[in-house]
Amino acid sequence: MAIRLPPVHALSAFEAAARHGSFALAAEELCITPSAFSHRIRLLEDFVGERLFLRDGRSVSLTEFGRRYLDVVRGALSSLADFPLPHRHATGQLKVKVTVPPTFARYLFLPNLHEFMSLHPDITIETYLSVPLYDMSLSETDIEVRFGAGKYPDLVTEKLFEEPAFPVVSPAYLEQIGGLNSPADLQKAQLLRSALEPWQPWFEVAGLDWPEPAAGLRIDDLGLLLEAVRHGYGVALTRQHFAAEMIARGDIVPLFDLQLTTPQHAYYLVYERNLRERPEVALLLDWMRARFSMALP
């Protein structure tokens, strides 16, 4: 029969909180956000079926069960830490965990990452994906690229770049609906919806007193949104870096020569302030700032 064990990362969080008497200090020690730390404690309490801590403002203290469980956890963690590993390297491998949105990863990050890897072959990069506007916790990542409004309390937030948003359509769909000569003609088109590229700000620039579309196909991924345009599902807003190849091939075409120059969403570097003290993290941050700055062609 399989043995069900508690998550090790939750046990280490429990031990750190008990030692510090503070979730905030324990989260800082483990280099994770307070929300991610609280999630680990809740995960462990759900596993054991008992409360482990009593909360009193910013300080915490162990419950009676928590004190008894701490002895067991410390013994288990100590056994794991003290077990001899003869083939483990004396020096740890330099590693940076990066979380990026899928479209940014596909069109910008991976096509350029070889530059950083050639400059720093001793640093291992681990890449994870997050859904913009939904996955809002750094969890156990070191650096995250977020597509949003840039308002992330208690985290270092640096704008990488923002690009104008503009509408695109496939030639086949354009012919199907009899052409679009002015923004007002969009009333006869299917407008593809996305929380990442809302239409209403662009409507204002175009002089259209229209509300945000409330019906029709919605896709909250910028890459898939472009694919939907290419396949003739309707008209959508996009950015130059993501649409350039499809435009060059003639798969899609821009409309009206009218852009929203300052969209409400842009790309941001997000990370915990203390992580800059790790040289490998600082190197990757510097490279990303230089490579994906607002000066991108």
C-alpha atoms as a PDB file:
ATOM      1  CA  MET A   1       0.000   0.000   0.000  1.00  0.00           C
ATOM      2  CA  ALA A   2       1.320   3.445  -0.954  1.00  0.00           C
ATOM      3  CA  ILE A   3       2.435   5.638   1.952  1.00  0.00           C
ATOM      4  CA  ARG A   4       0.883   9.117   1.890  1.00  0.00           C
ATOM      5  CA  LEU A   5       3.444  11.675   3.008  1.00  0.00           C
ATOM      6  CA  PRO A   6       3.134  15.415   3.634  1.00  0.00           C
ATOM      7  CA  PRO A   7       4.885  17.714   1.099  1.00  0.00           C
ATOM      8  CA  VAL A   8       8.490  18.391   2.110  1.00  0.00           C
ATOM      9  CA  HIS A   9       8.241  22.087   1.160  1.00  0.00           C
ATOM     10  CA  ALA A  10       5.291  22.421   3.571  1.00  0.00           C
ATOM     11  CA  LEU A  11       7.265  20.719   6.342  1.00  0.00           C
ATOM     12  CA  SER A  12      10.207  23.104   5.867  1.00  0.00           C
ATOM     13  CA  ALA A  13       7.809  26.063   6.014  1.00  0.00           C
ATOM     14  CA  PHE A  14       6.304  24.701   9.234  1.00  0.00           C
ATOM     15  CA  GLU A  15       9.722  24.282  10.824  1.00  0.00           C
ATOM     16  CA  ALA A  16      10.861  27.770   9.792  1.00  0.00           C
ATOM     17  CA  ALA A  17       7.687  29.418  11.122  1.00  0.00           C
ATOM     18  CA  ALA A  18       7.993  27.582  14.431  1.00  0.00           C
ATOM     19  CA  ARG A  19      11.624  28.663  14.743  1.00  0.00           C
ATOM     20  CA  HIS A  20      10.986  32.328  13.932  1.00  0.00           C
ATOM     21  CA  GLY A  21       7.557  32.670  15.519  1.00  0.00           C
ATOM     22  CA  SER A  22       6.641  34.651  12.414  1.00  0.00           C
ATOM     23  CA  PHE A  23       5.279  33.745   8.975  1.00  0.00           C
ATOM     24  CA  ALA A  24       6.853  36.873   7.462  1.00  0.00           C
ATOM     25  CA  LEU A  25      10.385  36.077   8.667  1.00  0.00           C
ATOM     26  CA  ALA A  26      10.025  32.429   7.678  1.00  0.00           C
ATOM     27  CA  ALA A  27       8.829  33.421   4.185  1.00  0.00           C
ATOM     28  CA  GLU A  28      11.826  35.746   3.831  1.00  0.00           C
ATOM     29  CA  GLU A  29      14.191  32.945   4.840  1.00  0.00           C
ATOM     30  CA  LEU A  30      12.693  30.619   2.220  1.00  0.00           C
ATOM     31  CA  CYS A  31      12.643  33.392  -0.433  1.00  0.00           C
ATOM     32  CA  ILE A  32       8.920  33.069  -1.162  1.00  0.00           C
ATOM     33  CA  THR A  33       5.992  35.470  -0.907  1.00  0.00           C
ATOM     34  CA  PRO A  34       3.912  35.624   2.285  1.00  0.00           C
ATOM     35  CA  SER A  35       0.885  34.353   0.357  1.00  0.00           C
ATOM     36  CA  ALA A  36       2.830  31.382  -0.986  1.00  0.00           C
ATOM     37  CA  PHE A  37       4.101  30.669   2.539  1.00  0.00           C
ATOM     38  CA  SER A  38       0.584  30.776   4.008  1.00  0.00           C
ATOM     39  CA  HIS A  39      -0.528  28.379   1.290  1.00  0.00           C
ATOM     40  CA  ARG A  40       2.128  25.878   2.412  1.00  0.00           C
ATOM     41  CA  ILE A  41       0.979  26.064   6.025  1.00  0.00           C
ATOM     42  CA  ARG A  42      -2.669  25.599   5.017  1.00  0.00           C
ATOM     43  CA  LEU A  43      -1.633  22.651   2.873  1.00  0.00           C
ATOM     44  CA  LEU A  44       0.070  20.982   5.835  1.00  0.00           C
ATOM     45  CA  GLU A  45      -2.809  21.735   8.227  1.00  0.00           C
ATOM     46  CA  ASP A  46      -5.232  20.209   5.733  1.00  0.00           C
ATOM     47  CA  PHE A  47      -2.978  17.157   5.511  1.00  0.00           C
ATOM     48  CA  VAL A  48      -2.725  16.562   9.267  1.00  0.00           C
ATOM     49  CA  GLY A  49      -6.306  17.650   9.960  1.00  0.00           C
ATOM     50  CA  GLU A  50      -5.230  19.874  12.852  1.00  0.00           C
ATOM     51  CA  ARG A  51      -4.335  23.501  13.422  1.00  0.00           C
ATOM     52  CA  LEU A  52      -0.593  23.957  13.837  1.00  0.00           C
ATOM     53  CA  PHE A  53      -0.422  27.627  14.787  1.00  0.00           C
ATOM     54  CA  LEU A  54      -2.320  30.202  16.804  1.00  0.00           C
ATOM     55  CA  ARG A  55      -2.293  33.601  15.060  1.00  0.00           C
ATOM     56  CA  ASP A  56      -1.959  36.775  17.125  1.00  0.00           C
ATOM     57  CA  GLY A  57      -1.450  39.743  14.848  1.00  0.00           C
ATOM     58  CA  ARG A  58       1.928  39.345  13.146  1.00  0.00           C
ATOM     59  CA  SER A  59       3.219  36.723  15.573  1.00  0.00           C
ATOM     60  CA  VAL A  60       2.323  33.048  15.645  1.00  0.00           C
ATOM     61  CA  SER A  61       2.677  30.344  18.268  1.00  0.00           C
ATOM     62  CA  LEU A  62       2.358  26.596  18.093  1.00  0.00           C
ATOM     63  CA  THR A  63      -0.735  24.771  19.210  1.00  0.00           C
ATOM     64  CA  GLU A  64      -0.325  21.768  21.518  1.00  0.00           C
ATOM     65  CA  PHE A  65      -0.561  19.470  18.497  1.00  0.00           C
ATOM     66  CA  GLY A  66       1.891  21.714  16.634  1.00  0.00           C
ATOM     67  CA  ARG A  67       4.504  21.372  19.389  1.00  0.00           C
ATOM     68  CA  ARG A  68       4.270  17.593  19.327  1.00  0.00           C
ATOM     69  CA  TYR A  69       4.312  17.483  15.522  1.00  0.00           C
ATOM     70  CA  LEU A  70       7.334  19.819  15.372  1.00  0.00           C
ATOM     71  CA  ASP A  71       9.509  17.272  17.207  1.00  0.00           C
ATOM     72  CA  VAL A  72       8.639  14.645  14.609  1.00  0.00           C
ATOM     73  CA  VAL A  73       9.167  17.018  11.665  1.00  0.00           C
ATOM     74  CA  ARG A  74      12.536  18.265  12.936  1.00  0.00           C
ATOM     75  CA  GLY A  75      13.690  14.708  13.427  1.00  0.00           C
ATOM     76  CA  ALA A  76      12.658  13.743   9.904  1.00  0.00           C
ATOM     77  CA  LEU A  77      14.239  16.825   8.294  1.00  0.00           C
ATOM     78  CA  SER A  78      17.422  16.330  10.291  1.00  0.00           C
ATOM     79  CA  SER A  79      17.664  12.714   9.139  1.00  0.00           C
ATOM     80  CA  LEU A  80      17.284  13.760   5.524  1.00  0.00           C
ATOM     81  CA  ALA A  81      19.853  16.565   5.844  1.00  0.00           C
ATOM     82  CA  ASP A  82      22.426  14.414   7.669  1.00  0.00           C
ATOM     83  CA  PHE A  83      22.231  11.378   5.404  1.00  0.00           C
ATOM     84  CA  PRO A  84      25.596  11.067   3.568  1.00  0.00           C
ATOM     85  CA  LEU A  85      25.428  11.666  -0.201  1.00  0.00           C
ATOM     86  CA  PRO A  86      28.885  10.701  -1.496  1.00  0.00           C
ATOM     87  CA  HIS A  87      28.194  11.589  -5.126  1.00  0.00           C
ATOM     88  CA  ARG A  88      26.703  14.996  -4.500  1.00  0.00           C
ATOM     89  CA  HIS A  89      28.894  17.869  -5.671  1.00  0.00           C
ATOM     90  CA  ALA A  90      30.361  19.988  -2.930  1.00  0.00           C
ATOM     91  CA  THR A  91      29.193  23.174  -4.643  1.00  0.00           C
ATOM     92  CA  GLY A  92      25.579  23.522  -5.698  1.00  0.00           C
ATOM     93  CA  GLN A  93      24.638  24.127  -9.301  1.00  0.00           C
ATOM     94  CA  LEU A  94      23.677  27.690 -10.165  1.00  0.00           C
ATOM     95  CA  LYS A  95      20.030  27.674 -11.196  1.00  0.00           C
ATOM     96  CA  VAL A  96      17.355  30.294 -11.882  1.00  0.00           C
ATOM     97  CA  LYS A  97      13.647  29.527 -12.142  1.00  0.00           C
ATOM     98  CA  VAL A  98      11.748  31.790 -14.521  1.00  0.00           C
ATOM     99  CA  THR A  99       7.980  31.902 -15.021  1.00  0.00           C
ATOM    100  CA  VAL A 100       6.701  33.531 -18.221  1.00  0.00           C
ATOM    101  CA  PRO A 101       3.394  33.849 -20.090  1.00  0.00           C
ATOM    102  CA  PRO A 102       3.030  31.352 -22.976  1.00  0.00           C
ATOM    103  CA  THR A 103       3.048  33.913 -25.812  1.00  0.00           C
ATOM    104  CA  PHE A 104       6.032  35.793 -24.389  1.00  0.00           C
ATOM    105  CA  ALA A 105       7.853  32.476 -24.032  1.00  0.00           C
ATOM    106  CA  ARG A 106       7.074  31.417 -27.594  1.00  0.00           C
ATOM    107  CA  TYR A 107       7.796  34.637 -29.448  1.00  0.00           C
ATOM    108  CA  LEU A 108      10.411  36.418 -27.330  1.00  0.00           C
ATOM    109  CA  PHE A 109      11.986  34.474 -24.473  1.00  0.00           C
ATOM    110  CA  LEU A 110      12.958  31.163 -26.064  1.00  0.00           C
ATOM    111  CA  PRO A 111      14.092  32.630 -29.420  1.00  0.00           C
ATOM    112  CA  ASN A 112      16.586  34.826 -27.537  1.00  0.00           C
ATOM    113  CA  LEU A 113      17.529  32.716 -24.504  1.00  0.00           C
ATOM    114  CA  HIS A 114      20.501  31.171 -26.336  1.00  0.00           C
ATOM    115  CA  GLU A 115      22.269  34.545 -25.963  1.00  0.00           C
ATOM    116  CA  PHE A 116      22.218  34.317 -22.169  1.00  0.00           C
ATOM    117  CA  MET A 117      23.093  30.602 -22.161  1.00  0.00           C
ATOM    118  CA  SER A 118      26.148  31.196 -24.341  1.00  0.00           C
ATOM    119  CA  LEU A 119      27.300  34.018 -22.041  1.00  0.00           C
ATOM    120  CA  HIS A 120      26.688  31.999 -18.842  1.00  0.00           C
ATOM    121  CA  PRO A 121      26.882  28.274 -19.600  1.00  0.00           C
ATOM    122  CA  ASP A 122      27.299  27.514 -15.885  1.00  0.00           C
ATOM    123  CA  ILE A 123      23.791  28.791 -15.041  1.00  0.00           C
ATOM    124  CA  THR A 124      20.846  26.456 -15.552  1.00  0.00           C
ATOM    125  CA  ILE A 125      17.543  28.056 -16.527  1.00  0.00           C
ATOM    126  CA  GLU A 126      14.275  26.349 -15.577  1.00  0.00           C
ATOM    127  CA  THR A 127      11.273  27.779 -17.436  1.00  0.00           C
ATOM    128  CA  TYR A 128       7.654  27.556 -16.298  1.00  0.00           C
ATOM    129  CA  LEU A 129       4.453  28.947 -17.773  1.00  0.00           C
ATOM    130  CA  SER A 130       1.789  31.065 -16.100  1.00  0.00           C
ATOM    131  CA  VAL A 131      -1.566  32.363 -17.290  1.00  0.00           C
ATOM    132  CA  PRO A 132      -1.630  36.199 -17.334  1.00  0.00           C
ATOM    133  CA  LEU A 133      -4.094  37.820 -14.900  1.00  0.00           C
ATOM    134  CA  TYR A 134      -4.830  34.436 -13.275  1.00  0.00           C
ATOM    135  CA  ASP A 135      -1.583  32.984 -11.853  1.00  0.00           C
ATOM    136  CA  MET A 136      -0.664  35.809  -9.478  1.00  0.00           C
ATOM    137  CA  SER A 137       1.694  34.160  -6.973  1.00  0.00           C
ATOM    138  CA  LEU A 138       5.449  33.897  -7.413  1.00  0.00           C
ATOM    139  CA  SER A 139       5.268  30.603  -5.547  1.00  0.00           C
ATOM    140  CA  GLU A 140       8.740  29.018  -5.835  1.00  0.00           C
ATOM    141  CA  THR A 141       9.956  30.846  -8.928  1.00  0.00           C
ATOM    142  CA  ASP A 142      12.815  33.369  -8.833  1.00  0.00           C
ATOM    143  CA  ILE A 143      11.808  35.700 -11.655  1.00  0.00           C
ATOM    144  CA  GLU A 144       8.432  36.125 -13.296  1.00  0.00           C
ATOM    145  CA  VAL A 145       7.370  38.021 -16.390  1.00  0.00           C
ATOM    146  CA  ARG A 146       3.805  39.235 -15.954  1.00  0.00           C
ATOM    147  CA  PHE A 147       1.472  40.715 -18.536  1.00  0.00           C
ATOM    148  CA  GLY A 148      -0.813  43.077 -16.678  1.00  0.00           C
ATOM    149  CA  ALA A 149      -1.244  46.500 -15.118  1.00  0.00           C
ATOM    150  CA  GLY A 150       1.997  46.382 -13.109  1.00  0.00           C
ATOM    151  CA  LYS A 151       0.385  46.668  -9.675  1.00  0.00           C
ATOM    152  CA  TYR A 152       1.915  43.903  -7.549  1.00  0.00           C
ATOM    153  CA  PRO A 153       2.265  44.943  -3.872  1.00  0.00           C
ATOM    154  CA  ASP A 154       5.358  43.914  -1.902  1.00  0.00           C
ATOM    155  CA  LEU A 155       7.197  42.816  -5.061  1.00  0.00           C
ATOM    156  CA  VAL A 156       9.830  44.558  -7.178  1.00  0.00           C
ATOM    157  CA  THR A 157       8.063  45.442 -10.440  1.00  0.00           C
ATOM    158  CA  GLU A 158       9.962  46.741 -13.488  1.00  0.00           C
ATOM    159  CA  LYS A 159       8.331  47.448 -16.840  1.00  0.00           C
ATOM    160  CA  LEU A 160      10.068  45.608 -19.661  1.00  0.00           C
ATOM    161  CA  PHE A 161       8.223  47.192 -22.551  1.00  0.00           C
ATOM    162  CA  GLU A 162       4.820  48.122 -23.848  1.00  0.00           C
ATOM    163  CA  GLU A 163       3.689  48.113 -27.455  1.00  0.00           C
ATOM    164  CA  PRO A 164       0.758  49.756 -29.226  1.00  0.00           C
ATOM    165  CA  ALA A 165      -2.269  47.535 -29.753  1.00  0.00           C
ATOM    166  CA  PHE A 166      -3.984  47.431 -33.146  1.00  0.00           C
ATOM    167  CA  PRO A 167      -6.690  45.334 -34.854  1.00  0.00           C
ATOM    168  CA  VAL A 168      -5.876  42.548 -37.306  1.00  0.00           C
ATOM    169  CA  VAL A 169      -7.953  40.272 -39.511  1.00  0.00           C
ATOM    170  CA  SER A 170      -7.371  37.465 -42.003  1.00  0.00           C
ATOM    171  CA  PRO A 171      -7.712  38.350 -45.727  1.00  0.00           C
ATOM    172  CA  ALA A 172     -10.312  35.587 -46.168  1.00  0.00           C
ATOM    173  CA  TYR A 173     -12.532  36.891 -43.358  1.00  0.00           C
ATOM    174  CA  LEU A 174     -12.104  40.452 -44.609  1.00  0.00           C
ATOM    175  CA  GLU A 175     -13.372  39.398 -48.033  1.00  0.00           C
ATOM    176  CA  GLN A 176     -16.165  37.330 -46.487  1.00  0.00           C
ATOM    177  CA  ILE A 177     -17.710  40.335 -44.697  1.00  0.00           C
ATOM    178  CA  GLY A 178     -17.239  42.713 -47.629  1.00  0.00           C
ATOM    179  CA  GLY A 179     -14.259  44.700 -46.337  1.00  0.00           C
ATOM    180  CA  LEU A 180     -13.718  47.123 -43.462  1.00  0.00           C
ATOM    181  CA  ASN A 181     -13.055  50.676 -44.543  1.00  0.00           C
ATOM    182  CA  SER A 182     -13.431  52.510 -41.229  1.00  0.00           C
ATOM    183  CA  PRO A 183     -13.560  51.609 -37.514  1.00  0.00           C
ATOM    184  CA  ALA A 184     -17.345  52.011 -37.547  1.00  0.00           C
ATOM    185  CA  ASP A 185     -17.529  49.126 -40.046  1.00  0.00           C
ATOM    186  CA  LEU A 186     -16.497  46.783 -37.220  1.00  0.00           C
ATOM    187  CA  GLN A 187     -20.180  46.611 -36.307  1.00  0.00           C
ATOM    188  CA  LYS A 188     -20.550  43.977 -39.030  1.00  0.00           C
ATOM    189  CA  ALA A 189     -17.526  41.955 -37.872  1.00  0.00           C
ATOM    190  CA  GLN A 190     -17.121  39.362 -35.141  1.00  0.00           C
ATOM    191  CA  LEU A 191     -14.886  40.929 -32.491  1.00  0.00           C
ATOM    192  CA  LEU A 192     -12.766  38.345 -30.696  1.00  0.00           C
ATOM    193  CA  ARG A 193     -12.625  39.014 -26.961  1.00  0.00           C
ATOM    194  CA  SER A 194      -9.757  38.718 -24.490  1.00  0.00           C
ATOM    195  CA  ALA A 195      -9.212  40.005 -20.970  1.00  0.00           C
ATOM    196  CA  LEU A 196      -5.620  40.617 -22.054  1.00  0.00           C
ATOM    197  CA  GLU A 197      -6.572  42.931 -24.939  1.00  0.00           C
ATOM    198  CA  PRO A 198      -9.880  44.661 -24.121  1.00  0.00           C
ATOM    199  CA  TRP A 199     -11.520  46.570 -26.967  1.00  0.00           C
ATOM    200  CA  GLN A 200     -12.967  49.534 -25.076  1.00  0.00           C
ATOM    201  CA  PRO A 201      -9.729  51.611 -24.808  1.00  0.00           C
ATOM    202  CA  TRP A 202      -9.153  51.170 -28.556  1.00  0.00           C
ATOM    203  CA  PHE A 203     -12.770  52.143 -29.265  1.00  0.00           C
ATOM    204  CA  GLU A 204     -12.124  55.462 -27.484  1.00  0.00           C
ATOM    205  CA  VAL A 205      -9.072  56.161 -29.650  1.00  0.00           C
ATOM    206  CA  ALA A 206     -11.125  55.306 -32.735  1.00  0.00           C
ATOM    207  CA  GLY A 207     -13.888  57.703 -31.695  1.00  0.00           C
ATOM    208  CA  LEU A 208     -16.405  54.931 -31.099  1.00  0.00           C
ATOM    209  CA  ASP A 209     -18.728  55.204 -28.113  1.00  0.00           C
ATOM    210  CA  TRP A 210     -19.095  51.422 -27.859  1.00  0.00           C
ATOM    211  CA  PRO A 211     -19.071  49.210 -24.741  1.00  0.00           C
ATOM    212  CA  GLU A 212     -16.786  46.238 -24.348  1.00  0.00           C
ATOM    213  CA  PRO A 213     -18.134  43.301 -26.423  1.00  0.00           C
ATOM    214  CA  ALA A 214     -20.055  40.896 -24.198  1.00  0.00           C
ATOM    215  CA  ALA A 215     -20.613  38.012 -26.617  1.00  0.00           C
ATOM    216  CA  GLY A 216     -18.581  35.955 -29.034  1.00  0.00           C
ATOM    217  CA  LEU A 217     -15.452  33.847 -28.845  1.00  0.00           C
ATOM    218  CA  ARG A 218     -13.162  34.715 -25.911  1.00  0.00           C
ATOM    219  CA  ILE A 219      -9.526  33.603 -25.738  1.00  0.00           C
ATOM    220  CA  ASP A 220      -7.268  34.623 -22.848  1.00  0.00           C
ATOM    221  CA  ASP A 221      -4.008  33.696 -24.548  1.00  0.00           C
ATOM    222  CA  LEU A 222      -2.411  36.156 -26.955  1.00  0.00           C
ATOM    223  CA  GLY A 223      -0.888  33.473 -29.176  1.00  0.00           C
ATOM    224  CA  LEU A 224      -4.143  31.534 -29.505  1.00  0.00           C
ATOM    225  CA  LEU A 225      -5.958  34.808 -30.131  1.00  0.00           C
ATOM    226  CA  LEU A 226      -3.762  35.383 -33.191  1.00  0.00           C
ATOM    227  CA  GLU A 227      -4.367  31.830 -34.365  1.00  0.00           C
ATOM    228  CA  ALA A 228      -8.115  32.436 -34.143  1.00  0.00           C
ATOM    229  CA  VAL A 229      -7.696  35.512 -36.348  1.00  0.00           C
ATOM    230  CA  ARG A 230      -5.605  33.544 -38.832  1.00  0.00           C
ATOM    231  CA  HIS A 231      -8.301  30.875 -39.030  1.00  0.00           C
ATOM    232  CA  GLY A 232     -10.942  33.474 -39.838  1.00  0.00           C
ATOM    233  CA  TYR A 233     -12.912  33.639 -36.587  1.00  0.00           C
ATOM    234  CA  GLY A 234     -13.002  37.428 -36.587  1.00  0.00           C
ATOM    235  CA  VAL A 235     -11.048  40.592 -35.698  1.00  0.00           C
ATOM    236  CA  ALA A 236      -8.783  40.942 -32.648  1.00  0.00           C
ATOM    237  CA  LEU A 237      -6.295  43.336 -31.097  1.00  0.00           C
ATOM    238  CA  THR A 238      -2.628  42.356 -31.047  1.00  0.00           C
ATOM    239  CA  ARG A 239       0.936  43.697 -30.742  1.00  0.00           C
ATOM    240  CA  GLN A 240       3.699  44.005 -33.341  1.00  0.00           C
ATOM    241  CA  HIS A 241       6.160  41.504 -31.856  1.00  0.00           C
ATOM    242  CA  PHE A 242       3.586  38.730 -31.818  1.00  0.00           C
ATOM    243  CA  ALA A 243       1.925  39.478 -35.153  1.00  0.00           C
ATOM    244  CA  ALA A 244       4.999  40.396 -37.235  1.00  0.00           C
ATOM    245  CA  GLU A 245       5.563  36.945 -38.771  1.00  0.00           C
ATOM    246  CA  MET A 246       1.903  36.376 -39.660  1.00  0.00           C
ATOM    247  CA  ILE A 247       1.683  39.868 -41.173  1.00  0.00           C
ATOM    248  CA  ALA A 248       4.863  39.295 -43.190  1.00  0.00           C
ATOM    249  CA  ARG A 249       3.459  35.998 -44.545  1.00  0.00           C
ATOM    250  CA  GLY A 250       0.139  37.626 -45.386  1.00  0.00           C
ATOM    251  CA  ASP A 251      -1.813  35.379 -42.984  1.00  0.00           C
ATOM    252  CA  ILE A 252      -3.298  38.448 -41.287  1.00  0.00           C
ATOM    253  CA  VAL A 253      -3.429  42.154 -42.110  1.00  0.00           C
ATOM    254  CA  PRO A 254      -3.599  45.272 -39.873  1.00  0.00           C
ATOM    255  CA  LEU A 255      -6.683  47.462 -40.071  1.00  0.00           C
ATOM    256  CA  PHE A 256      -7.200  51.248 -40.265  1.00  0.00           C
ATOM    257  CA  ASP A 257      -3.614  52.303 -39.416  1.00  0.00           C
ATOM    258  CA  LEU A 258      -4.952  53.217 -35.970  1.00  0.00           C
ATOM    259  CA  GLN A 259      -3.180  52.152 -32.770  1.00  0.00           C
ATOM    260  CA  LEU A 260      -3.763  52.312 -29.038  1.00  0.00           C
ATOM    261  CA  THR A 261      -0.340  53.685 -28.066  1.00  0.00           C
ATOM    262  CA  THR A 262      -0.601  53.079 -24.309  1.00  0.00           C
ATOM    263  CA  PRO A 263      -2.582  49.876 -23.666  1.00  0.00           C
ATOM    264  CA  GLN A 264      -3.567  49.134 -20.080  1.00  0.00           C
ATOM    265  CA  HIS A 265      -1.437  45.970 -20.057  1.00  0.00           C
ATOM    266  CA  ALA A 266       2.318  45.656 -20.545  1.00  0.00           C
ATOM    267  CA  TYR A 267       5.103  43.202 -19.690  1.00  0.00           C
ATOM    268  CA  TYR A 268       6.787  43.483 -16.283  1.00  0.00           C
ATOM    269  CA  LEU A 269       9.677  41.805 -14.490  1.00  0.00           C
ATOM    270  CA  VAL A 270       8.462  40.747 -11.026  1.00  0.00           C
ATOM    271  CA  TYR A 271      10.618  39.312  -8.243  1.00  0.00           C
ATOM    272  CA  GLU A 272      11.371  39.369  -4.519  1.00  0.00           C
ATOM    273  CA  ARG A 273      13.823  42.147  -3.622  1.00  0.00           C
ATOM    274  CA  ASN A 274      16.245  39.915  -1.714  1.00  0.00           C
ATOM    275  CA  LEU A 275      16.730  37.622  -4.727  1.00  0.00           C
ATOM    276  CA  ARG A 276      18.938  40.230  -6.383  1.00  0.00           C
ATOM    277  CA  GLU A 277      21.617  39.198  -3.891  1.00  0.00           C
ATOM    278  CA  ARG A 278      22.046  35.923  -5.776  1.00  0.00           C
ATOM    279  CA  PRO A 279      24.565  36.611  -8.595  1.00  0.00           C
ATOM    280  CA  GLU A 280      22.921  34.220 -11.061  1.00  0.00           C
ATOM    281  CA  VAL A 281      19.532  35.903 -10.572  1.00  0.00           C
ATOM    282  CA  ALA A 282      21.075  39.370 -10.948  1.00  0.00           C
ATOM    283  CA  LEU A 283      22.772  38.300 -14.197  1.00  0.00           C
ATOM    284  CA  LEU A 284      19.537  37.021 -15.714  1.00  0.00           C
ATOM    285  CA  LEU A 285      17.643  40.145 -14.603  1.00  0.00           C
ATOM    286  CA  ASP A 286      20.277  42.373 -16.220  1.00  0.00           C
ATOM    287  CA  TRP A 287      20.126  40.375 -19.457  1.00  0.00           C
ATOM    288  CA  MET A 288      16.328  40.443 -19.597  1.00  0.00           C
ATOM    289  CA  ARG A 289      16.260  44.204 -18.987  1.00  0.00           C
ATOM    290  CA  ALA A 290      18.734  44.757 -21.821  1.00  0.00           C
ATOM    291  CA  ARG A 291      17.188  42.272 -24.243  1.00  0.00           C
ATOM    292  CA  PHE A 292      13.506  42.969 -23.682  1.00  0.00           C
ATOM    293  CA  SER A 293      13.594  46.677 -22.980  1.00  0.00           C
ATOM    294  CA  MET A 294      11.254  49.280 -24.442  1.00  0.00           C
ATOM    295  CA  ALA A 295      13.933  49.885 -27.081  1.00  0.00           C
ATOM    296  CA  LEU A 296      13.168  46.573 -28.795  1.00  0.00           C
ATOM    297  CA  PRO A 297      12.962  47.116 -32.576  1.00  0.00           C
END
